[in-house]
């Protein structure tokens, strides 16, 4: 949990530039919120993954939310220091493979702010297609979808599960 919080705090200003800042209360209550997400993961409602750098620090979070009826919503964020190196795209592709092979999902959706062109590009490179408009954090957004094949090959680089044993 401490490593995930460190990732969030180190990148707070960067994340706030592309989506609304979560506010001080989010960080003050992070442990409780993290525990609640882990309980949802234990219940099969979501699947949480982290991307860990060679130095052991977390450089990304890639999550599947609202797992139901073969579908889920995707959420992800990467550290500012790895932006522009294909990290988000490759990890998102890995998440999509895990969604199909490990979770039996057939459809994924994701939403981004309309102004977040970089995130939209990552989704497109991972195979998602724009499926209409939506509201994201109170502003205009774009919804993306991806149909999954169950026989997708296993990922070459695996994301690590966001579990209680995260350093």
Foldseek 3Di string as FASTA:
>chain_A
DVLVLVQCVQCQVVVCVFAPRPDPVCSVCVVVVVVVVQVCVVVVQKFKFFAADPVQHTFKIWMWGRDDPQETEIDMDGHPVCPPVCPLLLQVLQVLLCSQAVVVHFKYKYKGAPPPVSVVVSCVSSPWDWDAWDAGNNHIMTMTMDTHDNPDDHRPDHTGTPDPPRD
